[in-house]
Amino acid sequence: GNLRQLETLDIRGTSIVMLPQTIIKLQKLQHLHAGFPTKGNYLCTRHLLHTYGFNQLDACTSLCCGAATPCIMMDKDYGGVVLPGGARKLKSLHTIRGVHVAYGDAVIQEIGRLSGLCKLGVMGINEKNDVKFCSAISNLSRLESLSVQSDKGCLDDITSPPKNLRSLKLEGRLGVLPEWIKKLQNLVKLKLSFTTSSQV
């Protein structure tokens, strides 16, 4: 929190699963890169949450204190970090990559208030949070690049897609491409990964 001049924070390939509250003091932060470990064991809060019934605080405490056994992650979905409350205060943020949003709607609401975002990469979109995520995306009018990893095809509710979107990456079982893609007049790059869409 004392690195007040910091503009880029890159924690990709680390075992960090939750950013500290002090990050909101970094008012000059422009680029946040997280998630997607390349190799090795990876600490996993989701494993503790779903397999052992931990709540989020106990899971994070166990991992931070070394009480939990590291688990090998085979799925990129496990590689994201959770933003702390108050992240909406980081008004200088231009890029966010590798944020996990499946652990609560508050993270999605925080992202939706970062109106200056140009590049966004998130994971953990599912049937429980897809409507709120779509609403948040509709608020990000400056967005030029969007990468979304979802459990299912949960992106149909974006009513006003960012007009400036030039790059779109969708990862997950889409089934059918969202209708709003037709509205992206400036789109020059579309990447689909692990999709089962019959349209491709």
N, C-alpha and C. Protein backbone atom coordinates (compact mmCIF):
# COMPACT_ATOMS: atom_id res chain seq x y z
N GLY A 1 0.79 -1.22 0.00
CA GLY A 1 0.00 0.00 0.00
C GLY A 1 0.82 1.27 0.00
N ASN A 2 2.11 1.14 0.27
CA ASN A 2 2.99 2.32 0.31
C ASN A 2 3.62 2.62 -1.05
N LEU A 3 3.38 1.76 -2.04
CA LEU A 3 3.96 1.99 -3.36
C LEU A 3 3.06 2.92 -4.16
N ARG A 4 2.96 4.14 -3.70
CA ARG A 4 1.98 5.09 -4.24
C ARG A 4 2.23 5.49 -5.69
N GLN A 5 3.44 5.27 -6.20
CA GLN A 5 3.75 5.62 -7.59
C GLN A 5 3.61 4.43 -8.53
N LEU A 6 3.25 3.27 -8.00
CA LEU A 6 3.18 2.05 -8.81
C LEU A 6 2.10 2.17 -9.89
N GLU A 7 2.48 1.83 -11.11
CA GLU A 7 1.55 1.89 -12.23
C GLU A 7 1.18 0.51 -12.78
N THR A 8 2.07 -0.47 -12.60
CA THR A 8 1.81 -1.84 -13.08
C THR A 8 2.10 -2.84 -11.98
N LEU A 9 1.14 -3.74 -11.75
CA LEU A 9 1.31 -4.83 -10.79
C LEU A 9 1.05 -6.14 -11.53
N ASP A 10 2.09 -6.96 -11.64
CA ASP A 10 2.00 -8.22 -12.37
C ASP A 10 2.28 -9.37 -11.41
N ILE A 11 1.24 -10.14 -11.09
CA ILE A 11 1.39 -11.26 -10.15
C ILE A 11 1.00 -12.58 -10.84
N ARG A 12 1.10 -12.62 -12.15
CA ARG A 12 0.81 -13.85 -12.88
C ARG A 12 1.78 -14.95 -12.49
N GLY A 13 1.27 -16.19 -12.40
CA GLY A 13 2.12 -17.32 -12.09
C GLY A 13 2.47 -17.45 -10.62
N THR A 14 1.79 -16.72 -9.75
CA THR A 14 2.03 -16.83 -8.31
C THR A 14 0.86 -17.53 -7.64
N SER A 15 0.98 -17.81 -6.36
CA SER A 15 -0.09 -18.47 -5.60
C SER A 15 -1.00 -17.47 -4.90
N ILE A 16 -0.95 -16.22 -5.32
CA ILE A 16 -1.80 -15.18 -4.72
C ILE A 16 -3.24 -15.38 -5.18
N VAL A 17 -4.17 -15.53 -4.23
CA VAL A 17 -5.56 -15.76 -4.58
C VAL A 17 -6.47 -14.60 -4.19
N MET A 18 -5.96 -13.71 -3.36
CA MET A 18 -6.76 -12.55 -2.95
C MET A 18 -5.84 -11.35 -2.75
N LEU A 19 -6.19 -10.23 -3.36
CA LEU A 19 -5.39 -9.03 -3.19
C LEU A 19 -5.72 -8.36 -1.87
N PRO A 20 -4.73 -7.77 -1.21
CA PRO A 20 -4.96 -7.13 0.08
C PRO A 20 -5.75 -5.83 -0.05
N GLN A 21 -6.39 -5.44 1.02
CA GLN A 21 -7.19 -4.23 1.05
C GLN A 21 -6.36 -2.99 0.74
N THR A 22 -5.08 -3.04 1.07
CA THR A 22 -4.21 -1.87 0.89
C THR A 22 -3.98 -1.51 -0.57
N ILE A 23 -4.38 -2.39 -1.48
CA ILE A 23 -4.16 -2.09 -2.90
C ILE A 23 -4.96 -0.87 -3.34
N ILE A 24 -6.04 -0.57 -2.64
CA ILE A 24 -6.87 0.57 -3.05
C ILE A 24 -6.17 1.90 -2.79
N LYS A 25 -5.03 1.86 -2.10
CA LYS A 25 -4.25 3.08 -1.89
C LYS A 25 -3.41 3.44 -3.12
N LEU A 26 -3.30 2.51 -4.05
CA LEU A 26 -2.45 2.72 -5.22
C LEU A 26 -3.22 3.47 -6.30
N GLN A 27 -3.40 4.74 -6.09
CA GLN A 27 -4.24 5.55 -6.97
C GLN A 27 -3.67 5.75 -8.37
N LYS A 28 -2.39 5.44 -8.56
CA LYS A 28 -1.79 5.59 -9.88
C LYS A 28 -1.71 4.26 -10.63
N LEU A 29 -2.23 3.20 -10.03
CA LEU A 29 -2.18 1.89 -10.66
C LEU A 29 -3.00 1.87 -11.95
N GLN A 30 -2.36 1.49 -13.05
CA GLN A 30 -3.01 1.46 -14.36
C GLN A 30 -3.23 0.05 -14.89
N HIS A 31 -2.31 -0.86 -14.54
CA HIS A 31 -2.36 -2.21 -15.10
C HIS A 31 -2.24 -3.25 -13.99
N LEU A 32 -3.21 -4.16 -13.94
CA LEU A 32 -3.19 -5.25 -12.97
C LEU A 32 -3.29 -6.57 -13.73
N HIS A 33 -2.24 -7.37 -13.64
CA HIS A 33 -2.20 -8.67 -14.32
C HIS A 33 -2.11 -9.77 -13.27
N ALA A 34 -3.02 -10.73 -13.34
CA ALA A 34 -3.03 -11.82 -12.36
C ALA A 34 -3.48 -13.11 -13.03
N GLY A 35 -3.38 -14.20 -12.27
CA GLY A 35 -3.91 -15.48 -12.71
C GLY A 35 -3.05 -16.23 -13.70
N PHE A 36 -3.60 -17.30 -14.21
CA PHE A 36 -3.01 -18.17 -15.22
C PHE A 36 -1.60 -18.60 -14.89
N PRO A 37 -1.43 -19.44 -13.86
CA PRO A 37 -0.10 -19.99 -13.56
C PRO A 37 0.37 -20.87 -14.71
N THR A 38 1.66 -20.93 -14.90
CA THR A 38 2.17 -21.70 -16.03
C THR A 38 2.56 -23.12 -15.65
N LYS A 39 3.01 -23.34 -14.43
CA LYS A 39 3.38 -24.70 -14.04
C LYS A 39 3.54 -24.77 -12.53
N GLY A 40 3.65 -26.00 -12.03
CA GLY A 40 3.85 -26.20 -10.61
C GLY A 40 2.57 -26.30 -9.83
N ASN A 41 2.68 -26.50 -8.52
CA ASN A 41 1.52 -26.59 -7.66
C ASN A 41 0.90 -25.23 -7.45
N TYR A 42 -0.38 -25.21 -7.22
CA TYR A 42 -1.08 -23.94 -7.06
C TYR A 42 -2.05 -24.01 -5.90
N LEU A 43 -1.98 -23.06 -4.99
CA LEU A 43 -2.89 -23.04 -3.85
C LEU A 43 -4.30 -22.70 -4.30
N CYS A 44 -5.28 -23.36 -3.74
CA CYS A 44 -6.61 -23.26 -4.30
C CYS A 44 -7.68 -23.02 -3.25
N THR A 45 -8.23 -21.83 -3.20
CA THR A 45 -9.34 -21.57 -2.27
C THR A 45 -10.59 -22.29 -2.70
N ARG A 46 -10.82 -22.37 -4.01
CA ARG A 46 -12.04 -23.00 -4.49
C ARG A 46 -12.13 -24.45 -4.05
N HIS A 47 -10.98 -25.14 -4.03
CA HIS A 47 -10.93 -26.53 -3.59
C HIS A 47 -11.39 -26.64 -2.14
N LEU A 48 -10.93 -25.73 -1.30
CA LEU A 48 -11.33 -25.75 0.10
C LEU A 48 -12.78 -25.35 0.28
N LEU A 49 -13.24 -24.39 -0.51
CA LEU A 49 -14.62 -23.92 -0.41
C LEU A 49 -15.62 -25.01 -0.76
N HIS A 50 -15.37 -25.70 -1.86
CA HIS A 50 -16.37 -26.64 -2.36
C HIS A 50 -16.17 -28.07 -1.86
N THR A 51 -14.91 -28.49 -1.67
CA THR A 51 -14.67 -29.87 -1.27
C THR A 51 -14.80 -30.06 0.23
N TYR A 52 -14.30 -29.09 1.00
CA TYR A 52 -14.29 -29.24 2.44
C TYR A 52 -15.28 -28.34 3.17
N GLY A 53 -16.02 -27.54 2.44
CA GLY A 53 -17.04 -26.71 3.06
C GLY A 53 -16.52 -25.51 3.83
N PHE A 54 -15.29 -25.07 3.54
CA PHE A 54 -14.74 -23.88 4.18
C PHE A 54 -15.54 -22.66 3.74
N ASN A 55 -15.60 -21.63 4.61
CA ASN A 55 -16.07 -20.35 4.11
C ASN A 55 -14.85 -19.61 3.57
N GLN A 56 -15.07 -18.47 2.89
CA GLN A 56 -13.97 -17.81 2.20
C GLN A 56 -12.87 -17.35 3.15
N LEU A 57 -13.23 -16.83 4.32
CA LEU A 57 -12.24 -16.35 5.28
C LEU A 57 -11.36 -17.50 5.77
N ASP A 58 -11.99 -18.63 6.14
CA ASP A 58 -11.23 -19.77 6.63
C ASP A 58 -10.33 -20.36 5.55
N ALA A 59 -10.83 -20.38 4.32
CA ALA A 59 -10.03 -20.92 3.22
C ALA A 59 -8.77 -20.09 3.01
N CYS A 60 -8.97 -18.76 2.96
CA CYS A 60 -7.82 -17.87 2.74
C CYS A 60 -6.84 -17.91 3.91
N THR A 61 -7.38 -18.00 5.14
CA THR A 61 -6.53 -18.08 6.32
C THR A 61 -5.69 -19.34 6.30
N SER A 62 -6.33 -20.44 5.93
CA SER A 62 -5.62 -21.72 5.87
C SER A 62 -4.49 -21.68 4.86
N LEU A 63 -4.77 -21.09 3.71
CA LEU A 63 -3.76 -21.02 2.66
C LEU A 63 -2.61 -20.09 3.05
N CYS A 64 -2.97 -18.94 3.61
CA CYS A 64 -1.95 -17.96 3.99
C CYS A 64 -1.06 -18.48 5.11
N CYS A 65 -1.62 -19.29 6.00
CA CYS A 65 -0.87 -19.79 7.15
C CYS A 65 -0.19 -21.12 6.86
N GLY A 66 -0.40 -21.63 5.65
CA GLY A 66 0.28 -22.87 5.28
C GLY A 66 -0.39 -24.11 5.81
N ALA A 67 -1.61 -24.00 6.30
CA ALA A 67 -2.27 -25.15 6.88
C ALA A 67 -2.87 -26.06 5.82
N ALA A 68 -3.12 -25.52 4.66
CA ALA A 68 -3.75 -26.31 3.60
C ALA A 68 -2.69 -26.92 2.70
N THR A 69 -2.99 -28.07 2.15
CA THR A 69 -2.08 -28.74 1.23
C THR A 69 -2.26 -28.19 -0.17
N PRO A 70 -1.19 -27.76 -0.81
CA PRO A 70 -1.33 -27.25 -2.18
C PRO A 70 -1.92 -28.30 -3.10
N CYS A 71 -2.73 -27.89 -4.03
CA CYS A 71 -3.30 -28.82 -4.99
C CYS A 71 -2.88 -28.41 -6.38
N ILE A 72 -2.71 -29.38 -7.24
CA ILE A 72 -2.27 -29.10 -8.61
C ILE A 72 -3.47 -28.67 -9.43
N MET A 73 -3.36 -27.52 -10.04
CA MET A 73 -4.46 -26.98 -10.81
C MET A 73 -4.31 -27.35 -12.27
N MET A 74 -5.35 -27.97 -12.81
CA MET A 74 -5.34 -28.33 -14.21
C MET A 74 -6.21 -27.40 -15.04
N ASP A 75 -6.99 -26.55 -14.40
CA ASP A 75 -7.94 -25.71 -15.09
C ASP A 75 -7.57 -24.26 -14.85
N LYS A 76 -7.52 -23.43 -15.90
CA LYS A 76 -7.17 -22.01 -15.77
C LYS A 76 -8.14 -21.27 -14.85
N ASP A 77 -9.36 -21.81 -14.72
CA ASP A 77 -10.38 -21.13 -13.93
C ASP A 77 -9.94 -20.93 -12.50
N TYR A 78 -8.99 -21.76 -12.04
CA TYR A 78 -8.54 -21.66 -10.66
C TYR A 78 -7.47 -20.60 -10.46
N GLY A 79 -7.01 -19.98 -11.55
CA GLY A 79 -5.85 -19.12 -11.43
C GLY A 79 -6.12 -17.66 -11.15
N GLY A 80 -7.38 -17.24 -10.97
CA GLY A 80 -7.68 -15.83 -10.80
C GLY A 80 -7.54 -15.35 -9.38
N VAL A 81 -7.55 -14.04 -9.22
CA VAL A 81 -7.51 -13.44 -7.89
C VAL A 81 -8.83 -12.71 -7.61
N VAL A 82 -9.09 -12.51 -6.34
CA VAL A 82 -10.29 -11.79 -5.92
C VAL A 82 -9.90 -10.36 -5.56
N LEU A 83 -10.63 -9.40 -6.09
CA LEU A 83 -10.39 -8.00 -5.76
C LEU A 83 -10.99 -7.67 -4.40
N PRO A 84 -10.37 -6.79 -3.62
CA PRO A 84 -10.94 -6.40 -2.34
C PRO A 84 -12.05 -5.38 -2.52
N GLY A 85 -12.84 -5.18 -1.49
CA GLY A 85 -13.84 -4.12 -1.51
C GLY A 85 -13.19 -2.77 -1.64
N GLY A 86 -13.81 -1.89 -2.38
CA GLY A 86 -13.25 -0.55 -2.57
C GLY A 86 -12.40 -0.43 -3.81
N ALA A 87 -12.29 -1.50 -4.60
CA ALA A 87 -11.46 -1.46 -5.81
C ALA A 87 -11.96 -0.44 -6.81
N ARG A 88 -13.21 -0.04 -6.68
CA ARG A 88 -13.78 0.97 -7.59
C ARG A 88 -13.07 2.32 -7.45
N LYS A 89 -12.32 2.50 -6.37
CA LYS A 89 -11.59 3.75 -6.14
C LYS A 89 -10.33 3.84 -7.02
N LEU A 90 -9.95 2.74 -7.64
CA LEU A 90 -8.76 2.74 -8.49
C LEU A 90 -9.11 3.30 -9.87
N LYS A 91 -9.38 4.56 -9.92
CA LYS A 91 -9.89 5.22 -11.12
C LYS A 91 -8.91 5.26 -12.28
N SER A 92 -7.62 5.04 -11.99
CA SER A 92 -6.61 5.09 -13.06
C SER A 92 -6.46 3.76 -13.77
N LEU A 93 -7.15 2.72 -13.30
CA LEU A 93 -6.98 1.40 -13.89
C LEU A 93 -7.40 1.40 -15.36
N HIS A 94 -6.50 0.93 -16.17
CA HIS A 94 -6.70 0.83 -17.62
C HIS A 94 -6.87 -0.63 -18.02
N THR A 95 -6.17 -1.52 -17.29
CA THR A 95 -6.16 -2.94 -17.61
C THR A 95 -6.33 -3.78 -16.36
N ILE A 96 -7.21 -4.77 -16.42
CA ILE A 96 -7.35 -5.78 -15.38
C ILE A 96 -7.39 -7.14 -16.07
N ARG A 97 -6.49 -8.02 -15.67
CA ARG A 97 -6.45 -9.36 -16.23
C ARG A 97 -6.44 -10.40 -15.11
N GLY A 98 -7.22 -11.47 -15.27
CA GLY A 98 -7.14 -12.60 -14.34
C GLY A 98 -7.88 -12.41 -13.03
N VAL A 99 -9.03 -11.75 -13.05
CA VAL A 99 -9.82 -11.55 -11.83
C VAL A 99 -10.93 -12.59 -11.77
N HIS A 100 -11.07 -13.22 -10.62
CA HIS A 100 -12.11 -14.22 -10.43
C HIS A 100 -13.32 -13.55 -9.79
N VAL A 101 -14.50 -13.79 -10.36
CA VAL A 101 -15.70 -13.09 -9.88
C VAL A 101 -16.76 -14.04 -9.33
N ALA A 102 -16.42 -15.31 -9.16
CA ALA A 102 -17.43 -16.29 -8.75
C ALA A 102 -17.72 -16.29 -7.26
N TYR A 103 -16.96 -15.55 -6.46
CA TYR A 103 -17.12 -15.63 -5.02
C TYR A 103 -18.00 -14.53 -4.44
N GLY A 104 -18.74 -13.84 -5.27
CA GLY A 104 -19.63 -12.82 -4.76
C GLY A 104 -19.89 -11.73 -5.79
N ASP A 105 -21.07 -11.14 -5.71
CA ASP A 105 -21.46 -10.11 -6.67
C ASP A 105 -20.74 -8.79 -6.43
N ALA A 106 -20.19 -8.61 -5.23
CA ALA A 106 -19.53 -7.34 -4.90
C ALA A 106 -18.37 -7.05 -5.85
N VAL A 107 -17.63 -8.08 -6.21
CA VAL A 107 -16.48 -7.91 -7.12
C VAL A 107 -16.95 -7.40 -8.47
N ILE A 108 -18.05 -7.95 -8.96
CA ILE A 108 -18.60 -7.52 -10.25
C ILE A 108 -19.05 -6.07 -10.19
N GLN A 109 -19.67 -5.69 -9.09
CA GLN A 109 -20.12 -4.31 -8.94
C GLN A 109 -18.95 -3.35 -8.90
N GLU A 110 -17.86 -3.76 -8.26
CA GLU A 110 -16.66 -2.92 -8.20
C GLU A 110 -16.10 -2.70 -9.62
N ILE A 111 -16.04 -3.77 -10.40
CA ILE A 111 -15.51 -3.68 -11.77
C ILE A 111 -16.40 -2.77 -12.62
N GLY A 112 -17.71 -2.90 -12.45
CA GLY A 112 -18.66 -2.10 -13.23
C GLY A 112 -18.54 -0.61 -13.00
N ARG A 113 -17.90 -0.21 -11.91
CA ARG A 113 -17.72 1.21 -11.61
C ARG A 113 -16.39 1.77 -12.10
N LEU A 114 -15.57 0.91 -12.66
CA LEU A 114 -14.27 1.36 -13.19
C LEU A 114 -14.45 1.79 -14.64
N SER A 115 -15.03 2.94 -14.81
CA SER A 115 -15.44 3.42 -16.14
C SER A 115 -14.29 3.67 -17.09
N GLY A 116 -13.06 3.76 -16.58
CA GLY A 116 -11.91 4.02 -17.44
C GLY A 116 -11.26 2.77 -18.01
N LEU A 117 -11.79 1.59 -17.68
CA LEU A 117 -11.19 0.34 -18.14
C LEU A 117 -11.21 0.22 -19.66
N CYS A 118 -10.07 -0.18 -20.22
CA CYS A 118 -9.98 -0.44 -21.65
C CYS A 118 -9.78 -1.94 -21.94
N LYS A 119 -9.17 -2.65 -20.99
CA LYS A 119 -8.93 -4.08 -21.15
C LYS A 119 -9.36 -4.81 -19.89
N LEU A 120 -10.16 -5.86 -20.09
CA LEU A 120 -10.69 -6.60 -18.94
C LEU A 120 -10.66 -8.10 -19.23
N GLY A 121 -10.13 -8.87 -18.28
CA GLY A 121 -10.13 -10.32 -18.37
C GLY A 121 -10.63 -10.91 -17.07
N VAL A 122 -11.75 -11.64 -17.12
CA VAL A 122 -12.33 -12.22 -15.92
C VAL A 122 -12.63 -13.70 -16.12
N MET A 123 -12.78 -14.40 -15.00
CA MET A 123 -13.16 -15.81 -15.01
C MET A 123 -14.19 -16.04 -13.91
N GLY A 124 -14.87 -17.15 -14.01
CA GLY A 124 -15.83 -17.49 -12.96
C GLY A 124 -17.25 -17.01 -13.24
N ILE A 125 -17.56 -16.69 -14.49
CA ILE A 125 -18.92 -16.30 -14.83
C ILE A 125 -19.79 -17.56 -14.86
N ASN A 126 -20.93 -17.50 -14.17
CA ASN A 126 -21.82 -18.66 -14.13
C ASN A 126 -23.27 -18.20 -14.13
N GLU A 127 -24.18 -19.13 -13.96
CA GLU A 127 -25.60 -18.82 -14.03
C GLU A 127 -26.07 -17.93 -12.88
N LYS A 128 -25.31 -17.87 -11.80
CA LYS A 128 -25.70 -17.07 -10.64
C LYS A 128 -25.30 -15.61 -10.78
N ASN A 129 -24.24 -15.34 -11.53
CA ASN A 129 -23.74 -13.97 -11.58
C ASN A 129 -23.74 -13.37 -12.98
N ASP A 130 -24.22 -14.12 -13.99
CA ASP A 130 -24.09 -13.64 -15.36
C ASP A 130 -24.91 -12.39 -15.64
N VAL A 131 -26.08 -12.25 -15.05
CA VAL A 131 -26.91 -11.07 -15.30
C VAL A 131 -26.23 -9.81 -14.78
N LYS A 132 -25.68 -9.89 -13.57
CA LYS A 132 -25.00 -8.73 -12.99
C LYS A 132 -23.70 -8.41 -13.74
N PHE A 133 -23.04 -9.46 -14.21
CA PHE A 133 -21.82 -9.22 -14.99
C PHE A 133 -22.15 -8.51 -16.30
N CYS A 134 -23.20 -8.96 -16.96
CA CYS A 134 -23.61 -8.34 -18.22
C CYS A 134 -23.99 -6.88 -18.01
N SER A 135 -24.63 -6.59 -16.89
CA SER A 135 -24.99 -5.21 -16.56
C SER A 135 -23.74 -4.36 -16.35
N ALA A 136 -22.74 -4.95 -15.67
CA ALA A 136 -21.50 -4.23 -15.41
C ALA A 136 -20.77 -3.92 -16.72
N ILE A 137 -20.73 -4.87 -17.65
CA ILE A 137 -20.06 -4.69 -18.93
C ILE A 137 -20.72 -3.56 -19.72
N SER A 138 -22.03 -3.46 -19.62
CA SER A 138 -22.75 -2.42 -20.35
C SER A 138 -22.36 -1.02 -19.87
N ASN A 139 -21.80 -0.93 -18.66
CA ASN A 139 -21.38 0.36 -18.11
C ASN A 139 -19.97 0.77 -18.55
N LEU A 140 -19.22 -0.17 -19.11
CA LEU A 140 -17.82 0.09 -19.45
C LEU A 140 -17.70 0.52 -20.91
N SER A 141 -18.03 1.75 -21.17
CA SER A 141 -18.12 2.27 -22.54
C SER A 141 -16.76 2.39 -23.23
N ARG A 142 -15.67 2.44 -22.47
CA ARG A 142 -14.34 2.60 -23.07
C ARG A 142 -13.64 1.28 -23.36
N LEU A 143 -14.28 0.18 -23.02
CA LEU A 143 -13.67 -1.14 -23.14
C LEU A 143 -13.31 -1.45 -24.60
N GLU A 144 -12.06 -1.84 -24.82
CA GLU A 144 -11.58 -2.21 -26.15
C GLU A 144 -11.25 -3.69 -26.26
N SER A 145 -10.95 -4.32 -25.13
CA SER A 145 -10.58 -5.73 -25.12
C SER A 145 -11.28 -6.43 -23.96
N LEU A 146 -11.93 -7.56 -24.25
CA LEU A 146 -12.66 -8.29 -23.22
C LEU A 146 -12.38 -9.78 -23.36
N SER A 147 -11.97 -10.40 -22.25
CA SER A 147 -11.73 -11.83 -22.20
C SER A 147 -12.58 -12.41 -21.07
N VAL A 148 -13.42 -13.39 -21.39
CA VAL A 148 -14.35 -13.95 -20.40
C VAL A 148 -14.26 -15.46 -20.40
N GLN A 149 -14.08 -16.02 -19.22
CA GLN A 149 -14.11 -17.46 -19.04
C GLN A 149 -15.36 -17.79 -18.23
N SER A 150 -16.26 -18.56 -18.83
CA SER A 150 -17.53 -18.86 -18.17
C SER A 150 -17.78 -20.35 -18.13
N ASP A 151 -18.59 -20.77 -17.16
CA ASP A 151 -18.94 -22.18 -17.03
C ASP A 151 -19.87 -22.61 -18.16
N LYS A 152 -20.77 -21.75 -18.53
CA LYS A 152 -21.73 -22.05 -19.59
C LYS A 152 -21.94 -20.78 -20.42
N GLY A 153 -22.82 -20.88 -21.39
CA GLY A 153 -23.12 -19.71 -22.21
C GLY A 153 -23.98 -18.73 -21.46
N CYS A 154 -23.34 -17.88 -20.66
CA CYS A 154 -24.08 -17.01 -19.74
C CYS A 154 -23.92 -15.53 -20.07
N LEU A 155 -23.79 -15.18 -21.32
CA LEU A 155 -23.48 -13.80 -21.66
C LEU A 155 -24.54 -13.17 -22.57
N ASP A 156 -25.72 -13.71 -22.55
CA ASP A 156 -26.77 -13.24 -23.46
C ASP A 156 -27.42 -11.93 -23.04
N ASP A 157 -27.19 -11.49 -21.79
CA ASP A 157 -27.93 -10.36 -21.25
C ASP A 157 -27.21 -9.02 -21.37
N ILE A 158 -26.17 -8.94 -22.18
CA ILE A 158 -25.51 -7.65 -22.41
C ILE A 158 -26.38 -6.85 -23.39
N THR A 159 -27.02 -5.83 -22.88
CA THR A 159 -27.94 -5.05 -23.71
C THR A 159 -27.23 -3.99 -24.53
N SER A 160 -26.17 -3.41 -23.95
CA SER A 160 -25.42 -2.36 -24.65
C SER A 160 -23.94 -2.70 -24.64
N PRO A 161 -23.48 -3.55 -25.54
CA PRO A 161 -22.06 -3.91 -25.57
C PRO A 161 -21.19 -2.70 -25.86
N PRO A 162 -19.99 -2.65 -25.29
CA PRO A 162 -19.10 -1.51 -25.53
C PRO A 162 -18.85 -1.29 -27.02
N LYS A 163 -19.12 -0.10 -27.50
CA LYS A 163 -19.03 0.20 -28.92
C LYS A 163 -17.59 0.15 -29.44
N ASN A 164 -16.64 0.40 -28.55
CA ASN A 164 -15.24 0.44 -28.97
C ASN A 164 -14.54 -0.90 -28.90
N LEU A 165 -15.27 -1.96 -28.57
CA LEU A 165 -14.65 -3.28 -28.39
C LEU A 165 -14.01 -3.76 -29.70
N ARG A 166 -12.71 -4.03 -29.63
CA ARG A 166 -11.96 -4.48 -30.81
C ARG A 166 -11.51 -5.94 -30.68
N SER A 167 -11.36 -6.41 -29.47
CA SER A 167 -10.89 -7.77 -29.24
C SER A 167 -11.80 -8.47 -28.24
N LEU A 168 -12.25 -9.67 -28.58
CA LEU A 168 -13.16 -10.42 -27.72
C LEU A 168 -12.72 -11.88 -27.66
N LYS A 169 -12.49 -12.38 -26.45
CA LYS A 169 -12.15 -13.78 -26.26
C LYS A 169 -13.19 -14.41 -25.33
N LEU A 170 -13.82 -15.45 -25.79
CA LEU A 170 -14.83 -16.17 -25.01
C LEU A 170 -14.36 -17.60 -24.81
N GLU A 171 -14.28 -18.01 -23.56
CA GLU A 171 -13.82 -19.36 -23.24
C GLU A 171 -14.88 -20.07 -22.41
N GLY A 172 -15.33 -21.21 -22.87
CA GLY A 172 -16.35 -21.97 -22.15
C GLY A 172 -17.37 -22.54 -23.11
N ARG A 173 -18.32 -23.26 -22.56
CA ARG A 173 -19.34 -23.92 -23.38
C ARG A 173 -20.44 -22.93 -23.76
N LEU A 174 -20.26 -22.29 -24.89
CA LEU A 174 -21.19 -21.25 -25.32
C LEU A 174 -22.52 -21.79 -25.80
N GLY A 175 -22.47 -22.84 -26.61
CA GLY A 175 -23.69 -23.34 -27.21
C GLY A 175 -24.06 -22.50 -28.42
N VAL A 176 -24.46 -21.26 -28.19
CA VAL A 176 -24.82 -20.32 -29.26
C VAL A 176 -24.13 -18.99 -28.98
N LEU A 177 -23.58 -18.37 -30.01
CA LEU A 177 -22.95 -17.07 -29.82
C LEU A 177 -23.98 -16.03 -29.43
N PRO A 178 -23.65 -15.15 -28.48
CA PRO A 178 -24.58 -14.10 -28.07
C PRO A 178 -24.96 -13.19 -29.24
N GLU A 179 -26.20 -12.76 -29.27
CA GLU A 179 -26.71 -11.91 -30.35
C GLU A 179 -26.00 -10.57 -30.41
N TRP A 180 -25.55 -10.07 -29.26
CA TRP A 180 -24.97 -8.73 -29.22
C TRP A 180 -23.64 -8.63 -29.96
N ILE A 181 -23.03 -9.77 -30.29
CA ILE A 181 -21.78 -9.73 -31.04
C ILE A 181 -21.98 -9.05 -32.39
N LYS A 182 -23.18 -9.15 -32.95
CA LYS A 182 -23.47 -8.52 -34.23
C LYS A 182 -23.38 -7.00 -34.16
N LYS A 183 -23.50 -6.45 -32.97
CA LYS A 183 -23.47 -5.00 -32.80
C LYS A 183 -22.05 -4.44 -32.70
N LEU A 184 -21.06 -5.31 -32.63
CA LEU A 184 -19.68 -4.87 -32.44
C LEU A 184 -19.06 -4.48 -33.78
N GLN A 185 -19.31 -3.29 -34.20
CA GLN A 185 -18.86 -2.82 -35.52
C GLN A 185 -17.35 -2.62 -35.60
N ASN A 186 -16.67 -2.46 -34.46
CA ASN A 186 -15.23 -2.23 -34.46
C ASN A 186 -14.42 -3.48 -34.13
N LEU A 187 -15.09 -4.62 -33.98
CA LEU A 187 -14.41 -5.85 -33.61
C LEU A 187 -13.50 -6.34 -34.73
N VAL A 188 -12.22 -6.56 -34.39
CA VAL A 188 -11.26 -7.05 -35.38
C VAL A 188 -10.68 -8.41 -34.98
N LYS A 189 -10.90 -8.81 -33.71
CA LYS A 189 -10.35 -10.09 -33.25
C LYS A 189 -11.39 -10.80 -32.38
N LEU A 190 -11.72 -12.02 -32.78
CA LEU A 190 -12.65 -12.86 -32.01
C LEU A 190 -12.01 -14.22 -31.81
N LYS A 191 -11.82 -14.60 -30.54
CA LYS A 191 -11.21 -15.89 -30.23
C LYS A 191 -12.15 -16.70 -29.36
N LEU A 192 -12.45 -17.93 -29.79
CA LEU A 192 -13.30 -18.84 -29.03
C LEU A 192 -12.48 -20.03 -28.59
N SER A 193 -12.52 -20.35 -27.29
CA SER A 193 -11.76 -21.48 -26.75
C SER A 193 -12.67 -22.42 -25.98
N PHE A 194 -12.52 -23.70 -26.19
CA PHE A 194 -13.28 -24.74 -25.50
C PHE A 194 -14.78 -24.54 -25.68
N THR A 195 -15.17 -24.02 -26.82
CA THR A 195 -16.58 -23.79 -27.06
C THR A 195 -17.21 -24.99 -27.75
N THR A 196 -18.52 -25.15 -27.56
CA THR A 196 -19.26 -26.20 -28.25
C THR A 196 -20.29 -25.58 -29.18
N SER A 197 -20.06 -24.35 -29.56
CA SER A 197 -21.02 -23.64 -30.40
C SER A 197 -21.16 -24.32 -31.76
N SER A 198 -22.39 -24.51 -32.19
CA SER A 198 -22.66 -25.12 -33.49
C SER A 198 -22.51 -24.11 -34.62
N GLN A 199 -22.29 -22.84 -34.25
CA GLN A 199 -22.19 -21.77 -35.26
C GLN A 199 -20.79 -21.63 -35.82
N VAL A 200 -19.81 -22.24 -35.14
CA VAL A 200 -18.41 -22.04 -35.51
C VAL A 200 -17.99 -23.03 -36.58
